[in-house]
C-alpha atoms as a PDB file:
ATOM      1  CA  MET A   1     -29.609  -1.675  -6.293  1.00  0.00           C
ATOM      2  CA  ASN A   2     -26.411  -3.299  -5.060  1.00  0.00           C
ATOM      3  CA  ILE A   3     -24.480  -0.199  -6.054  1.00  0.00           C
ATOM      4  CA  LEU A   4     -26.124   1.652  -3.155  1.00  0.00           C
ATOM      5  CA  LEU A   5     -24.291  -0.684  -0.773  1.00  0.00           C
ATOM      6  CA  VAL A   6     -21.054   0.785  -2.129  1.00  0.00           C
ATOM      7  CA  LEU A   7     -22.050   4.403  -2.766  1.00  0.00           C
ATOM      8  CA  ILE A   8     -23.623   5.124   0.625  1.00  0.00           C
ATOM      9  CA  PRO A   9     -20.528   4.168   2.678  1.00  0.00           C
ATOM     10  CA  ILE A  10     -18.260   6.052   0.236  1.00  0.00           C
ATOM     11  CA  SER A  11     -20.430   9.171   0.494  1.00  0.00           C
ATOM     12  CA  LEU A  12     -20.418   8.926   4.311  1.00  0.00           C
ATOM     13  CA  LEU A  13     -16.617   8.650   4.296  1.00  0.00           C
ATOM     14  CA  LEU A  14     -16.336  11.712   2.048  1.00  0.00           C
ATOM     15  CA  LEU A  15     -18.758  13.628   4.270  1.00  0.00           C
ATOM     16  CA  GLY A  16     -16.718  12.684   7.342  1.00  0.00           C
ATOM     17  CA  ALA A  17     -13.501  13.813   5.610  1.00  0.00           C
ATOM     18  CA  ALA A  18     -15.081  17.160   4.657  1.00  0.00           C
ATOM     19  CA  ILE A  19     -16.300  17.765   8.212  1.00  0.00           C
ATOM     20  CA  TRP A  20     -12.878  16.837   9.613  1.00  0.00           C
ATOM     21  CA  ALA A  21     -11.145  19.221   7.163  1.00  0.00           C
ATOM     22  CA  PHE A  22     -13.504  22.047   8.137  1.00  0.00           C
ATOM     23  CA  VAL A  23     -12.961  21.498  11.873  1.00  0.00           C
ATOM     24  CA  TRP A  24      -9.193  21.298  11.319  1.00  0.00           C
ATOM     25  CA  ALA A  25      -9.233  24.598   9.411  1.00  0.00           C
ATOM     26  CA  VAL A  26     -11.291  26.335  12.102  1.00  0.00           C
ATOM     27  CA  LYS A  27      -9.010  25.103  14.881  1.00  0.00           C
ATOM     28  CA  GLY A  28      -5.980  26.169  12.832  1.00  0.00           C
ATOM     29  CA  GLY A  29      -7.215  29.775  12.675  1.00  0.00           C
ATOM     30  CA  GLN A  30      -8.066  29.943   8.973  1.00  0.00           C
ATOM     31  CA  TYR A  31     -11.254  31.901   9.634  1.00  0.00           C
ATOM     32  CA  ASP A  32     -10.044  34.174  12.458  1.00  0.00           C
ATOM     33  CA  ASP A  33      -9.564  37.374  10.452  1.00  0.00           C
ATOM     34  CA  LEU A  34     -11.686  37.673   7.329  1.00  0.00           C
ATOM     35  CA  ASP A  35     -11.653  41.489   7.068  1.00  0.00           C
ATOM     36  CA  THR A  36      -7.974  42.478   6.991  1.00  0.00           C
ATOM     37  CA  PRO A  37      -6.585  40.499   3.992  1.00  0.00           C
ATOM     38  CA  PRO A  38      -8.913  42.115   1.409  1.00  0.00           C
ATOM     39  CA  LEU A  39      -8.046  45.567   2.771  1.00  0.00           C
ATOM     40  CA  ASP A  40      -4.275  44.978   2.738  1.00  0.00           C
ATOM     41  CA  ILE A  41      -4.191  45.361  -1.038  1.00  0.00           C
ATOM     42  CA  LEU A  42      -5.509  48.924  -0.722  1.00  0.00           C
ATOM     43  CA  VAL A  43      -2.676  50.076   1.553  1.00  0.00           C
ATOM     44  CA  ASP A  44       0.163  51.876  -0.216  1.00  0.00           C
ATOM     45  CA  ASP A  45       3.656  50.506   0.087  1.00  0.00           C
ATOM     46  CA  GLU A  46       6.250  52.503   1.952  1.00  0.00           C
ATOM     47  CA  LYS A  47       8.030  55.095  -0.174  1.00  0.00           C
ATOM     48  CA  PRO A  48      11.539  54.035  -1.165  1.00  0.00           C
ATOM     49  CA  LYS A  49      14.307  55.782   0.740  1.00  0.00           C
ATOM     50  CA  GLN A  50      16.217  58.313  -1.331  1.00  0.00           C
ATOM     51  CA  THR A  51      19.974  58.068  -1.225  1.00  0.00           C
ATOM     52  CA  ALA A  52      22.169  61.127  -0.833  1.00  0.00           C
ATOM     53  CA  PRO A  53      23.903  62.223  -4.052  1.00  0.00           C
ATOM     54  CA  SER A  54      27.519  61.221  -4.332  1.00  0.00           C
ATOM     55  CA  ASN A  55      30.361  63.775  -4.563  1.00  0.00           C
ATOM     56  CA  ASP A  56      30.717  63.168  -8.291  1.00  0.00           C
ATOM     57  CA  ASP A  57      27.149  64.305  -8.865  1.00  0.00           C
ATOM     58  CA  ALA A  58      27.618  67.492  -6.809  1.00  0.00           C
ATOM     59  CA  HIS A  59      30.329  68.938  -9.101  1.00  0.00           C
ATOM     60  CA  ASP A  60      29.172  70.834 -12.142  1.00  0.00           C
ATOM     61  CA  GLY A  61      32.439  70.279 -13.958  1.00  0.00           C
ATOM     62  CA  THR A  62      34.029  73.667 -13.396  1.00  0.00           C
END
């Protein structure tokens, strides 16, 4: 029964830390945009720029 005198304050401290962490995350903007990050993976990357052929490639050897 004496263990409850230790476990209850520890559980209240952990609960307070979890609430503080949640409030800190909300104030920091962690939950502002929940829709865009999952959709970003579906967007294609930009196509790589093609370089102009050099003069050596333009000659056919004749």
